[in-house]
Protein backbone atom coordinates (compact mmCIF):
# COMPACT_ATOMS: atom_id res chain seq x y z
CA MET A 1 -34.71 -12.93 0.02
CA SER A 2 -36.57 -15.37 -2.34
CA ASN A 3 -34.66 -18.03 -4.38
CA GLN A 4 -35.51 -16.21 -7.63
CA ARG A 5 -34.25 -12.84 -6.27
CA ARG A 6 -30.96 -14.62 -4.93
CA ILE A 7 -30.41 -16.06 -8.30
CA VAL A 8 -30.94 -12.75 -9.99
CA ALA A 9 -28.71 -11.12 -7.50
CA LEU A 10 -25.92 -13.70 -7.79
CA LEU A 11 -26.06 -13.74 -11.53
CA SER A 12 -25.89 -10.00 -11.55
CA LEU A 13 -22.78 -10.04 -9.41
CA ALA A 14 -21.23 -12.75 -11.83
CA LEU A 15 -21.67 -10.24 -14.64
CA VAL A 16 -19.59 -7.72 -12.55
CA GLY A 17 -16.58 -9.96 -13.60
CA VAL A 18 -16.65 -8.30 -17.02
CA VAL A 19 -17.82 -4.94 -16.13
CA VAL A 20 -16.79 -2.22 -13.74
CA ALA A 21 -18.15 -3.04 -10.31
CA THR A 22 -17.01 -0.27 -8.18
CA PHE A 23 -14.30 2.34 -7.61
CA LEU A 24 -11.41 2.47 -5.06
CA PRO A 25 -8.89 5.00 -4.31
CA GLN A 26 -5.79 4.86 -6.42
CA LYS A 27 -2.68 3.16 -4.74
CA SER A 28 0.36 5.55 -4.86
CA SER A 29 2.88 2.89 -5.69
CA LYS A 30 4.59 1.80 -8.86
CA THR A 31 4.95 -1.72 -7.81
CA THR A 32 2.75 -4.67 -8.83
CA ILE A 33 0.47 -5.23 -5.63
CA SER A 34 -1.28 -8.68 -5.61
CA GLU A 35 -2.39 -9.27 -2.14
CA ARG A 36 -4.73 -11.76 -0.34
CA PHE A 37 -7.29 -10.40 1.95
CA PHE A 38 -9.76 -12.26 4.30
CA LEU A 39 -13.39 -11.57 5.19
CA THR A 40 -15.69 -13.36 7.58
CA VAL A 41 -19.10 -13.90 6.29
CA HIS A 42 -21.60 -15.84 8.34
CA ASP A 43 -18.93 -17.19 10.50
CA ARG A 44 -16.95 -18.59 7.51
CA GLU A 45 -13.67 -16.99 6.52
CA ARG A 46 -13.46 -16.10 2.90
CA ASN A 47 -10.41 -14.92 0.90
CA TYR A 48 -9.71 -12.96 -2.25
CA LEU A 49 -6.76 -11.57 -4.20
CA VAL A 50 -6.43 -7.97 -5.27
CA TYR A 51 -4.18 -7.22 -8.37
CA SER A 52 -3.15 -3.63 -8.94
CA PRO A 53 -1.30 -2.85 -12.17
CA ASN A 54 2.27 -1.53 -12.27
CA ASN A 55 1.14 1.52 -14.14
CA LEU A 56 -0.71 3.16 -11.38
CA LEU A 57 0.71 6.48 -11.04
CA PRO A 58 1.17 8.53 -7.83
CA SER A 59 -1.86 10.75 -7.08
CA GLU A 60 -2.21 13.70 -4.97
CA THR A 61 -5.80 13.43 -4.95
CA ASP A 62 -8.38 10.79 -4.08
CA GLU A 63 -8.55 9.78 -7.76
CA ARG A 64 -10.69 6.50 -8.18
CA LEU A 65 -10.17 3.63 -10.39
CA PRO A 66 -12.50 1.10 -11.76
CA VAL A 67 -12.47 -2.36 -10.17
CA VAL A 68 -13.43 -5.75 -11.90
CA ILE A 69 -14.45 -8.83 -9.82
CA ALA A 70 -13.31 -11.83 -11.75
CA LEU A 71 -15.10 -15.10 -10.53
CA HIS A 72 -13.32 -18.27 -11.15
CA GLY A 73 -15.14 -21.44 -12.51
CA GLY A 74 -15.91 -24.58 -10.69
CA GLY A 75 -12.87 -26.66 -11.45
CA GLY A 76 -10.44 -26.94 -14.43
CA PRO A 77 -7.82 -24.47 -15.38
CA MET A 78 -9.56 -21.60 -13.82
CA GLY A 79 -11.00 -23.20 -10.72
CA THR A 80 -9.35 -20.96 -8.01
CA ALA A 81 -8.61 -17.31 -7.70
CA GLU A 82 -4.89 -17.89 -8.09
CA MET A 83 -5.43 -19.82 -11.40
CA MET A 84 -8.09 -17.25 -12.57
CA ALA A 85 -5.42 -14.54 -11.90
CA ASP A 86 -2.80 -16.49 -13.88
CA VAL A 87 -4.61 -17.70 -16.96
CA SER A 88 -7.50 -15.38 -17.57
CA GLY A 89 -5.81 -12.41 -18.94
CA TRP A 90 -7.32 -9.94 -16.47
CA LYS A 91 -3.99 -8.86 -14.92
CA GLU A 92 -2.65 -8.06 -18.55
CA LYS A 93 -5.80 -6.16 -19.31
CA ALA A 94 -5.62 -4.36 -15.91
CA GLU A 95 -2.11 -3.22 -16.85
CA LYS A 96 -3.09 -2.05 -20.30
CA GLU A 97 -6.44 -0.22 -19.18
CA ASN A 98 -5.36 0.89 -15.65
CA PHE A 99 -7.93 -0.74 -13.31
CA ILE A 100 -7.94 -3.12 -10.26
CA VAL A 101 -8.82 -6.65 -10.45
CA VAL A 102 -10.40 -8.58 -7.46
CA PHE A 103 -10.17 -12.46 -7.61
CA PRO A 104 -12.28 -14.07 -4.93
CA ASN A 105 -12.29 -17.64 -4.12
CA GLY A 106 -15.40 -19.84 -3.90
CA THR A 107 -15.98 -22.35 -1.26
CA PRO A 108 -14.39 -25.98 -1.38
CA HIS A 109 -16.51 -29.13 -0.76
CA ASN A 110 -14.22 -29.97 2.16
CA ALA A 111 -12.55 -26.98 3.93
CA THR A 112 -10.09 -29.17 5.72
CA ARG A 113 -8.50 -30.67 2.53
CA PRO A 114 -6.54 -28.81 -0.12
CA VAL A 115 -8.44 -27.74 -3.21
CA GLU A 116 -8.34 -30.29 -6.07
CA LEU A 117 -9.73 -29.53 -9.50
CA LYS A 118 -11.42 -32.86 -9.80
CA GLY A 119 -12.09 -33.80 -6.30
CA ASN A 120 -12.37 -31.02 -3.74
CA ILE A 121 -13.40 -28.17 -6.24
CA GLN A 122 -14.43 -24.65 -5.14
CA GLU A 123 -17.94 -23.63 -6.14
CA TRP A 124 -20.23 -20.81 -5.81
CA ASN A 125 -23.72 -20.66 -4.41
CA ASP A 126 -25.61 -19.70 -7.61
CA GLY A 127 -29.03 -19.93 -6.01
CA SER A 128 -29.83 -23.05 -8.21
CA ARG A 129 -30.10 -25.26 -5.08
CA GLN A 130 -28.01 -27.64 -7.08
CA SER A 131 -24.83 -27.06 -5.23
CA PHE A 132 -23.49 -28.68 -1.81
CA LEU A 133 -23.15 -25.11 -0.78
CA VAL A 134 -26.85 -24.72 -0.13
CA GLU A 135 -26.82 -27.27 2.40
CA MET A 136 -23.58 -25.71 3.97
CA GLY A 137 -25.42 -22.32 4.17
CA VAL A 138 -22.76 -20.60 2.12
CA ASP A 139 -23.86 -17.04 1.05
CA ASP A 140 -21.90 -15.82 -1.89
CA VAL A 141 -24.11 -12.93 -2.45
CA THR A 142 -23.33 -11.54 0.89
CA PHE A 143 -19.62 -12.28 0.42
CA LEU A 144 -19.52 -10.53 -2.86
CA ASN A 145 -21.50 -7.45 -1.61
CA ALA A 146 -18.83 -7.30 1.22
CA LEU A 147 -16.14 -7.06 -1.43
CA ILE A 148 -17.84 -4.35 -3.09
């Protein structure tokens, strides 16, 4: 895939954070579900949180709900999936509007160290070739496609 197409693809996926990305079967539980899931993409373990609101009603059909994928920033108060979930307002919006939110984590500079918002931040490979992730071979387009 050409660099320009990768950039367009990643930017398109980033926009998914504010629009409906896909649909999943509705959960038949009235409890808040916030779970961490793991995927392996090109031999690299990736993770993401899934938030299902309390107001999901049991359903006898395979009713589907909208899903929003909310990407965190590269540092600061929304530099991880957990922080994004806590401060972005997407969980509250999901409660009000009845949809599921997926909060994926980017890739830290050094996977052997804890994430630090000013030192070991998590980033996304946006295709600009300005990130350390290009040299590491991180493929966020494939990761986000696997989520969908």
